[in-house]
């Protein structure tokens, strides 16, 4: 049995990988089963380690601030990537669809506070460069695929063991 978590799901989580069991996570309360509430800028994902085969984020990570003060500085986006790594099973997949630079859609919505580029995942969160480790990132991913669809950057990452 496979499980998938859709971040920022609203009341209707997306099942991009056709998992057997589907969960959602949203900032709002929803009465639908398997949907939990959390603020991705400040909260940990409310699931146990290695629980999911897949995690998806459709048009949501651009809304997660890179830094918040709660009351101390927290690198929210890096913490979220750590949390995604934590809840994925070994070799689990993370799929992100987000408006990205250089397209205007990445900037025009005033709630887009985390601008993603085609270098964000390959340089900061991959298992080769891991530049985000300089800011506390503990995990590692391998880039499976990355492509443009109009103004959206579609990225699939595979969880791999973090280097020692």
N, C-alpha and C. Protein backbone atom coordinates (compact mmCIF):
# COMPACT_ATOMS: atom_id res chain seq x y z
N UNK A 1 0.85 -1.18 0.00
CA UNK A 1 0.00 0.00 0.00
C UNK A 1 0.90 1.24 0.00
N UNK A 2 0.61 2.18 -0.91
CA UNK A 2 1.39 3.42 -0.99
C UNK A 2 0.58 4.57 -0.41
N UNK A 3 1.33 5.55 0.17
CA UNK A 3 0.70 6.72 0.77
C UNK A 3 1.29 7.98 0.16
N UNK A 4 0.42 8.98 -0.04
CA UNK A 4 0.86 10.27 -0.57
C UNK A 4 0.31 11.39 0.28
N UNK A 5 1.13 12.43 0.45
CA UNK A 5 0.75 13.63 1.19
C UNK A 5 0.78 14.81 0.23
N UNK A 6 -0.32 15.56 0.14
CA UNK A 6 -0.40 16.74 -0.70
C UNK A 6 -0.37 17.98 0.19
N UNK A 7 0.71 18.75 0.09
CA UNK A 7 0.86 19.97 0.89
C UNK A 7 0.02 21.10 0.30
N UNK A 8 -0.63 21.88 1.16
CA UNK A 8 -1.48 22.98 0.69
C UNK A 8 -2.67 22.45 -0.08
N UNK A 9 -3.21 21.36 0.38
CA UNK A 9 -4.22 20.60 -0.38
C UNK A 9 -5.59 21.23 -0.46
N UNK A 10 -5.93 22.12 0.49
CA UNK A 10 -7.32 22.53 0.57
C UNK A 10 -8.14 21.30 0.93
N UNK A 11 -9.45 21.31 0.63
CA UNK A 11 -10.29 20.17 0.99
C UNK A 11 -10.15 18.97 0.04
N UNK A 12 -9.42 19.14 -1.08
CA UNK A 12 -9.34 18.08 -2.09
C UNK A 12 -7.89 17.80 -2.47
N UNK A 13 -7.20 16.93 -1.73
CA UNK A 13 -5.80 16.62 -2.06
C UNK A 13 -5.68 16.01 -3.45
N UNK A 14 -4.57 16.34 -4.11
CA UNK A 14 -4.28 15.78 -5.43
C UNK A 14 -3.49 14.49 -5.25
N UNK A 15 -3.73 13.54 -6.14
CA UNK A 15 -3.10 12.23 -6.07
C UNK A 15 -2.25 12.01 -7.31
N UNK A 16 -1.21 12.80 -7.47
CA UNK A 16 -0.35 12.82 -8.65
C UNK A 16 0.26 11.46 -8.96
N UNK A 17 0.56 10.67 -7.93
CA UNK A 17 1.23 9.38 -8.11
C UNK A 17 0.28 8.19 -7.99
N UNK A 18 -1.03 8.45 -7.93
CA UNK A 18 -2.05 7.38 -7.81
C UNK A 18 -1.78 6.47 -6.62
N UNK A 19 -1.51 7.06 -5.49
CA UNK A 19 -1.26 6.30 -4.27
C UNK A 19 -2.54 5.63 -3.79
N UNK A 20 -2.37 4.59 -2.99
CA UNK A 20 -3.52 3.88 -2.43
C UNK A 20 -4.21 4.68 -1.33
N UNK A 21 -3.41 5.41 -0.56
CA UNK A 21 -3.95 6.19 0.55
C UNK A 21 -3.49 7.63 0.39
N UNK A 22 -4.40 8.57 0.52
CA UNK A 22 -4.12 9.97 0.25
C UNK A 22 -4.39 10.82 1.49
N UNK A 23 -3.42 11.71 1.78
CA UNK A 23 -3.52 12.64 2.89
C UNK A 23 -3.33 14.06 2.36
N UNK A 24 -3.90 15.01 3.08
CA UNK A 24 -3.71 16.41 2.75
C UNK A 24 -3.25 17.18 3.96
N UNK A 25 -2.62 18.31 3.70
CA UNK A 25 -2.18 19.21 4.76
C UNK A 25 -2.49 20.63 4.29
N UNK A 26 -3.14 21.41 5.15
CA UNK A 26 -3.52 22.75 4.75
C UNK A 26 -3.44 23.68 5.96
N UNK A 27 -3.36 24.96 5.68
CA UNK A 27 -3.31 25.97 6.74
C UNK A 27 -4.70 26.20 7.34
N UNK A 28 -5.72 25.81 6.62
CA UNK A 28 -7.11 25.96 7.09
C UNK A 28 -7.62 24.62 7.64
N UNK A 29 -8.61 24.70 8.53
CA UNK A 29 -9.29 23.49 9.01
C UNK A 29 -10.23 22.98 7.93
N UNK A 30 -10.21 21.68 7.70
CA UNK A 30 -11.13 21.04 6.76
C UNK A 30 -11.71 19.81 7.44
N UNK A 31 -12.95 19.51 7.14
CA UNK A 31 -13.61 18.36 7.77
C UNK A 31 -13.38 17.07 7.00
N UNK A 32 -12.79 17.15 5.83
CA UNK A 32 -12.55 15.94 5.03
C UNK A 32 -11.60 15.00 5.78
N UNK A 33 -11.83 13.70 5.64
CA UNK A 33 -10.93 12.75 6.31
C UNK A 33 -9.51 12.84 5.76
N UNK A 34 -8.53 12.52 6.58
CA UNK A 34 -7.11 12.48 6.21
C UNK A 34 -6.52 13.85 5.86
N UNK A 35 -7.18 14.93 6.25
CA UNK A 35 -6.60 16.26 6.04
C UNK A 35 -6.28 16.85 7.41
N UNK A 36 -5.02 17.23 7.57
CA UNK A 36 -4.58 17.81 8.83
C UNK A 36 -4.22 19.28 8.62
N UNK A 37 -4.17 20.00 9.73
CA UNK A 37 -3.88 21.44 9.68
C UNK A 37 -2.46 21.69 10.16
N UNK A 38 -1.73 22.53 9.42
CA UNK A 38 -0.41 22.98 9.83
C UNK A 38 -0.04 24.20 9.00
N UNK A 39 0.76 25.07 9.59
CA UNK A 39 1.30 26.24 8.90
C UNK A 39 2.72 25.88 8.48
N UNK A 40 2.95 25.72 7.19
CA UNK A 40 4.24 25.27 6.68
C UNK A 40 5.39 26.22 7.00
N UNK A 41 5.09 27.46 7.35
CA UNK A 41 6.14 28.42 7.69
C UNK A 41 6.71 28.18 9.09
N UNK A 42 5.91 27.58 9.98
CA UNK A 42 6.36 27.45 11.37
C UNK A 42 6.17 26.07 11.99
N UNK A 43 5.34 25.22 11.41
CA UNK A 43 5.02 23.93 12.01
C UNK A 43 5.76 22.78 11.34
N UNK A 44 6.05 21.76 12.12
CA UNK A 44 6.55 20.51 11.58
C UNK A 44 5.38 19.79 10.89
N UNK A 45 5.70 18.89 9.97
CA UNK A 45 4.64 18.09 9.35
C UNK A 45 4.15 17.09 10.39
N UNK A 46 2.84 17.04 10.65
CA UNK A 46 2.32 16.21 11.74
C UNK A 46 2.17 14.74 11.37
N UNK A 47 3.28 14.14 10.95
CA UNK A 47 3.31 12.74 10.56
C UNK A 47 4.63 12.14 11.03
N UNK A 48 4.64 10.84 11.19
CA UNK A 48 5.84 10.16 11.67
C UNK A 48 6.89 10.04 10.56
N UNK A 49 8.10 9.77 10.95
CA UNK A 49 9.21 9.60 10.02
C UNK A 49 8.92 8.46 9.04
N UNK A 50 9.30 8.67 7.78
CA UNK A 50 9.21 7.62 6.77
C UNK A 50 7.81 7.11 6.51
N UNK A 51 6.80 7.94 6.65
CA UNK A 51 5.40 7.52 6.54
C UNK A 51 4.90 7.49 5.09
N UNK A 52 5.47 8.34 4.23
CA UNK A 52 4.92 8.52 2.88
C UNK A 52 5.86 8.02 1.79
N UNK A 53 5.24 7.50 0.75
CA UNK A 53 5.97 7.15 -0.47
C UNK A 53 6.14 8.39 -1.34
N UNK A 54 5.17 9.32 -1.22
CA UNK A 54 5.16 10.52 -2.06
C UNK A 54 4.71 11.73 -1.25
N UNK A 55 5.27 12.88 -1.59
CA UNK A 55 4.80 14.17 -1.09
C UNK A 55 4.70 15.08 -2.31
N UNK A 56 3.58 15.81 -2.41
CA UNK A 56 3.39 16.73 -3.53
C UNK A 56 3.11 18.13 -3.01
N UNK A 57 3.45 19.11 -3.85
CA UNK A 57 3.20 20.52 -3.52
C UNK A 57 2.83 21.24 -4.82
N UNK A 58 1.56 21.45 -5.03
CA UNK A 58 1.06 22.14 -6.22
C UNK A 58 0.78 23.60 -5.87
N UNK A 59 1.59 24.50 -6.42
CA UNK A 59 1.38 25.93 -6.22
C UNK A 59 1.30 26.30 -4.74
N UNK A 60 2.26 25.80 -3.95
CA UNK A 60 2.25 26.12 -2.53
C UNK A 60 3.61 26.56 -2.00
N UNK A 61 4.73 26.01 -2.46
CA UNK A 61 6.01 26.35 -1.83
C UNK A 61 6.41 27.80 -2.06
N UNK A 62 5.87 28.42 -3.10
CA UNK A 62 6.17 29.84 -3.31
C UNK A 62 5.53 30.73 -2.24
N UNK A 63 4.62 30.16 -1.45
CA UNK A 63 3.96 30.89 -0.36
C UNK A 63 4.65 30.69 0.99
N UNK A 64 5.65 29.81 1.04
CA UNK A 64 6.37 29.54 2.30
C UNK A 64 7.56 30.50 2.40
N UNK A 65 7.55 31.39 3.38
CA UNK A 65 8.65 32.35 3.49
C UNK A 65 9.99 31.65 3.64
N UNK A 66 11.01 32.27 3.11
CA UNK A 66 12.35 31.72 3.28
C UNK A 66 12.83 31.89 4.70
N UNK A 67 12.49 33.01 5.33
CA UNK A 67 12.89 33.29 6.71
C UNK A 67 11.72 33.90 7.46
N UNK A 68 11.48 33.43 8.68
CA UNK A 68 10.50 34.05 9.59
C UNK A 68 11.18 34.23 10.94
N UNK A 69 10.61 35.11 11.75
CA UNK A 69 11.11 35.35 13.10
C UNK A 69 10.00 34.97 14.06
N UNK A 70 10.19 33.88 14.82
CA UNK A 70 9.12 33.31 15.64
C UNK A 70 9.55 32.90 17.04
N UNK A 71 10.09 33.61 17.93
CA UNK A 71 10.65 34.94 17.80
C UNK A 71 12.07 34.93 17.26
N UNK A 72 12.72 33.75 17.21
CA UNK A 72 14.06 33.69 16.64
C UNK A 72 13.98 33.37 15.16
N UNK A 73 15.05 33.66 14.46
CA UNK A 73 15.08 33.42 13.01
C UNK A 73 14.94 31.94 12.71
N UNK A 74 14.10 31.64 11.74
CA UNK A 74 13.87 30.27 11.27
C UNK A 74 13.91 30.30 9.75
N UNK A 75 14.72 29.44 9.16
CA UNK A 75 14.76 29.30 7.70
C UNK A 75 13.64 28.35 7.28
N UNK A 76 12.45 28.91 7.12
CA UNK A 76 11.22 28.11 6.96
C UNK A 76 11.25 27.18 5.75
N UNK A 77 11.70 27.67 4.62
CA UNK A 77 11.71 26.83 3.42
C UNK A 77 12.69 25.66 3.59
N UNK A 78 13.84 25.94 4.16
CA UNK A 78 14.82 24.87 4.40
C UNK A 78 14.26 23.88 5.41
N UNK A 79 13.62 24.37 6.46
CA UNK A 79 13.00 23.49 7.45
C UNK A 79 11.92 22.63 6.80
N UNK A 80 11.14 23.22 5.89
CA UNK A 80 10.11 22.44 5.19
C UNK A 80 10.74 21.34 4.36
N UNK A 81 11.83 21.65 3.65
CA UNK A 81 12.50 20.61 2.85
C UNK A 81 13.04 19.50 3.74
N UNK A 82 13.52 19.85 4.94
CA UNK A 82 13.95 18.83 5.91
C UNK A 82 12.76 17.96 6.34
N UNK A 83 11.63 18.61 6.58
CA UNK A 83 10.44 17.88 6.99
C UNK A 83 9.95 16.94 5.88
N UNK A 84 9.98 17.40 4.65
CA UNK A 84 9.59 16.54 3.53
C UNK A 84 10.52 15.33 3.48
N UNK A 85 11.81 15.56 3.61
CA UNK A 85 12.79 14.47 3.63
C UNK A 85 12.48 13.51 4.79
N UNK A 86 12.16 14.05 5.94
CA UNK A 86 11.88 13.22 7.13
C UNK A 86 10.68 12.30 6.94
N UNK A 87 9.57 12.83 6.40
CA UNK A 87 8.35 12.02 6.30
C UNK A 87 8.34 11.07 5.11
N UNK A 88 9.26 11.26 4.17
CA UNK A 88 9.34 10.34 3.03
C UNK A 88 10.06 9.05 3.43
N UNK A 89 9.60 7.94 2.86
CA UNK A 89 10.31 6.68 2.98
C UNK A 89 11.60 6.76 2.18
N UNK A 90 12.57 5.89 2.43
CA UNK A 90 13.76 5.86 1.58
C UNK A 90 13.35 5.69 0.11
N UNK A 91 13.96 6.45 -0.77
CA UNK A 91 13.65 6.48 -2.21
C UNK A 91 12.29 7.10 -2.52
N UNK A 92 11.62 7.69 -1.52
CA UNK A 92 10.34 8.35 -1.76
C UNK A 92 10.51 9.56 -2.67
N UNK A 93 9.41 9.98 -3.29
CA UNK A 93 9.45 11.06 -4.27
C UNK A 93 8.73 12.31 -3.77
N UNK A 94 9.33 13.45 -4.04
CA UNK A 94 8.71 14.76 -3.81
C UNK A 94 8.50 15.42 -5.16
N UNK A 95 7.26 15.87 -5.41
CA UNK A 95 6.90 16.54 -6.66
C UNK A 95 6.44 17.96 -6.34
N UNK A 96 7.06 18.92 -7.01
CA UNK A 96 6.72 20.32 -6.82
C UNK A 96 6.31 20.94 -8.16
N UNK A 97 5.21 21.66 -8.14
CA UNK A 97 4.79 22.47 -9.29
C UNK A 97 4.64 23.89 -8.77
N UNK A 98 5.47 24.81 -9.29
CA UNK A 98 5.45 26.17 -8.76
C UNK A 98 5.75 27.18 -9.85
N UNK A 99 5.10 28.35 -9.82
CA UNK A 99 5.50 29.42 -10.72
C UNK A 99 6.93 29.81 -10.38
N UNK A 100 7.74 30.00 -11.40
CA UNK A 100 9.17 30.21 -11.13
C UNK A 100 9.74 31.33 -11.99
N UNK A 101 10.87 31.86 -11.51
CA UNK A 101 11.65 32.86 -12.23
C UNK A 101 12.12 32.26 -13.55
N UNK A 102 12.08 32.99 -14.66
CA UNK A 102 11.95 34.43 -14.80
C UNK A 102 10.54 34.89 -15.16
N UNK A 103 9.55 34.05 -15.00
CA UNK A 103 8.19 34.39 -15.41
C UNK A 103 7.51 35.35 -14.44
N UNK A 104 6.72 36.27 -14.98
CA UNK A 104 6.04 37.28 -14.17
C UNK A 104 5.13 36.64 -13.12
N UNK A 105 4.57 35.49 -13.43
CA UNK A 105 3.66 34.81 -12.50
C UNK A 105 4.34 34.46 -11.17
N UNK A 106 5.64 34.34 -11.18
CA UNK A 106 6.38 34.06 -9.94
C UNK A 106 6.32 35.25 -8.99
N UNK A 107 6.16 36.46 -9.53
CA UNK A 107 6.24 37.68 -8.74
C UNK A 107 4.92 38.42 -8.56
N UNK A 108 3.97 38.26 -9.47
CA UNK A 108 2.81 39.15 -9.48
C UNK A 108 1.86 38.94 -8.31
N UNK A 109 1.78 37.74 -7.77
CA UNK A 109 0.94 37.49 -6.60
C UNK A 109 1.71 37.98 -5.37
N UNK A 110 1.16 38.92 -4.60
CA UNK A 110 1.90 39.46 -3.46
C UNK A 110 2.14 38.43 -2.35
N UNK A 111 1.48 37.28 -2.40
CA UNK A 111 1.74 36.25 -1.39
C UNK A 111 2.85 35.28 -1.82
N UNK A 112 3.41 35.49 -3.01
CA UNK A 112 4.56 34.69 -3.44
C UNK A 112 5.80 35.30 -2.80
N UNK A 113 6.30 34.67 -1.77
CA UNK A 113 7.43 35.21 -1.01
C UNK A 113 8.67 34.34 -1.13
N UNK A 114 8.58 33.25 -1.87
CA UNK A 114 9.69 32.31 -2.02
C UNK A 114 9.84 32.04 -3.52
N UNK A 115 10.67 32.82 -4.17
CA UNK A 115 10.83 32.69 -5.61
C UNK A 115 11.79 31.55 -5.92
N UNK A 116 11.29 30.58 -6.67
CA UNK A 116 12.06 29.39 -7.05
C UNK A 116 12.64 29.61 -8.44
N UNK A 117 13.86 29.10 -8.65
CA UNK A 117 14.47 29.12 -9.98
C UNK A 117 14.78 27.68 -10.37
N UNK A 118 15.18 27.47 -11.61
CA UNK A 118 15.52 26.11 -12.01
C UNK A 118 16.80 25.61 -11.35
N UNK A 119 17.52 26.47 -10.63
CA UNK A 119 18.70 26.05 -9.89
C UNK A 119 18.44 25.80 -8.41
N UNK A 120 17.27 26.16 -7.91
CA UNK A 120 17.01 26.03 -6.47
C UNK A 120 17.16 24.59 -5.99
N UNK A 121 16.45 23.66 -6.61
CA UNK A 121 16.51 22.28 -6.15
C UNK A 121 17.84 21.60 -6.51
N UNK A 122 18.34 21.74 -7.75
CA UNK A 122 19.59 21.05 -8.09
C UNK A 122 20.81 21.52 -7.31
N UNK A 123 20.87 22.76 -6.90
CA UNK A 123 22.06 23.24 -6.20
C UNK A 123 21.92 23.23 -4.68
N UNK A 124 20.72 23.50 -4.17
CA UNK A 124 20.57 23.65 -2.73
C UNK A 124 20.13 22.37 -2.01
N UNK A 125 19.38 21.51 -2.68
CA UNK A 125 18.80 20.35 -1.99
C UNK A 125 19.21 19.01 -2.58
N UNK A 126 20.05 19.01 -3.60
CA UNK A 126 20.45 17.75 -4.22
C UNK A 126 21.53 17.07 -3.38
N UNK A 127 21.92 15.86 -3.78
CA UNK A 127 22.92 15.10 -3.02
C UNK A 127 24.35 15.40 -3.47
N UNK A 128 24.53 16.27 -4.45
CA UNK A 128 25.86 16.61 -4.94
C UNK A 128 26.35 17.94 -4.36
N UNK A 129 25.54 18.97 -4.47
CA UNK A 129 25.94 20.30 -4.00
C UNK A 129 25.51 20.56 -2.56
N UNK A 130 24.22 20.37 -2.28
CA UNK A 130 23.63 20.57 -0.94
C UNK A 130 24.00 21.92 -0.32
N UNK A 131 23.93 22.98 -1.11
CA UNK A 131 24.27 24.31 -0.59
C UNK A 131 23.38 24.70 0.59
N UNK A 132 22.16 24.16 0.65
CA UNK A 132 21.27 24.49 1.78
C UNK A 132 21.80 23.94 3.10
N UNK A 133 22.75 23.02 3.06
CA UNK A 133 23.36 22.52 4.30
C UNK A 133 24.04 23.66 5.06
N UNK A 134 24.47 24.69 4.34
CA UNK A 134 25.06 25.87 4.99
C UNK A 134 24.05 26.59 5.88
N UNK A 135 22.76 26.33 5.66
CA UNK A 135 21.69 26.99 6.42
C UNK A 135 20.92 26.00 7.28
N UNK A 136 21.49 24.80 7.48
CA UNK A 136 20.87 23.84 8.38
C UNK A 136 20.17 22.66 7.73
N UNK A 137 20.12 22.58 6.41
CA UNK A 137 19.47 21.45 5.75
C UNK A 137 20.22 20.17 6.05
N UNK A 138 19.49 19.14 6.51
CA UNK A 138 20.11 17.88 6.89
C UNK A 138 19.87 16.76 5.90
N UNK A 139 18.91 16.92 5.00
CA UNK A 139 18.55 15.84 4.08
C UNK A 139 19.32 15.91 2.78
N UNK A 140 18.87 15.09 1.83
CA UNK A 140 19.43 15.11 0.48
C UNK A 140 18.43 14.48 -0.48
N UNK A 141 18.39 15.02 -1.68
CA UNK A 141 17.52 14.51 -2.73
C UNK A 141 18.33 14.35 -4.01
N UNK A 142 17.89 13.48 -4.86
CA UNK A 142 18.43 13.38 -6.21
C UNK A 142 17.37 13.94 -7.16
N UNK A 143 17.77 14.80 -8.07
CA UNK A 143 16.83 15.35 -9.04
C UNK A 143 16.50 14.27 -10.06
N UNK A 144 15.23 13.86 -10.11
CA UNK A 144 14.76 12.85 -11.06
C UNK A 144 14.41 13.52 -12.37
N UNK A 145 13.70 14.64 -12.28
CA UNK A 145 13.31 15.37 -13.49
C UNK A 145 12.99 16.81 -13.12
N UNK A 146 13.13 17.66 -14.12
CA UNK A 146 12.74 19.06 -13.97
C UNK A 146 12.40 19.57 -15.36
N UNK A 147 11.23 20.20 -15.48
CA UNK A 147 10.80 20.71 -16.78
C UNK A 147 9.88 21.91 -16.58
N UNK A 148 9.80 22.71 -17.63
CA UNK A 148 8.90 23.86 -17.65
C UNK A 148 7.59 23.45 -18.30
N UNK A 149 6.49 23.89 -17.71
CA UNK A 149 5.17 23.80 -18.34
C UNK A 149 4.56 25.19 -18.19
N UNK A 150 4.63 25.95 -19.29
CA UNK A 150 4.26 27.37 -19.28
C UNK A 150 5.13 28.07 -18.22
N UNK A 151 4.53 28.74 -17.23
CA UNK A 151 5.29 29.46 -16.22
C UNK A 151 5.59 28.62 -14.98
N UNK A 152 5.15 27.37 -14.97
CA UNK A 152 5.40 26.48 -13.84
C UNK A 152 6.67 25.66 -14.05
N UNK A 153 7.44 25.54 -12.99
CA UNK A 153 8.58 24.63 -12.96
C UNK A 153 8.11 23.37 -12.25
N UNK A 154 8.20 22.24 -12.93
CA UNK A 154 7.79 20.95 -12.38
C UNK A 154 9.05 20.17 -12.04
N UNK A 155 9.19 19.82 -10.78
CA UNK A 155 10.40 19.15 -10.31
C UNK A 155 10.02 17.90 -9.53
N UNK A 156 10.72 16.81 -9.82
CA UNK A 156 10.57 15.58 -9.04
C UNK A 156 11.92 15.25 -8.42
N UNK A 157 11.92 15.07 -7.11
CA UNK A 157 13.11 14.74 -6.34
C UNK A 157 12.93 13.39 -5.66
N UNK A 158 14.00 12.61 -5.58
CA UNK A 158 13.99 11.33 -4.87
C UNK A 158 14.79 11.48 -3.59
N UNK A 159 14.21 11.04 -2.48
CA UNK A 159 14.93 11.04 -1.20
C UNK A 159 16.09 10.06 -1.27
N UNK A 160 17.26 10.55 -0.90
CA UNK A 160 18.45 9.70 -0.81
C UNK A 160 19.08 9.96 0.56
N UNK A 161 19.93 9.05 1.02
CA UNK A 161 20.58 9.29 2.32
C UNK A 161 21.45 10.55 2.26
N UNK A 162 21.42 11.31 3.33
CA UNK A 162 22.25 12.51 3.40
C UNK A 162 23.70 12.09 3.59
N UNK A 163 24.63 12.78 2.92
CA UNK A 163 26.04 12.46 3.14
C UNK A 163 26.45 12.71 4.59
N UNK A 164 27.42 11.95 5.04
CA UNK A 164 27.89 12.10 6.43
C UNK A 164 28.60 13.43 6.61
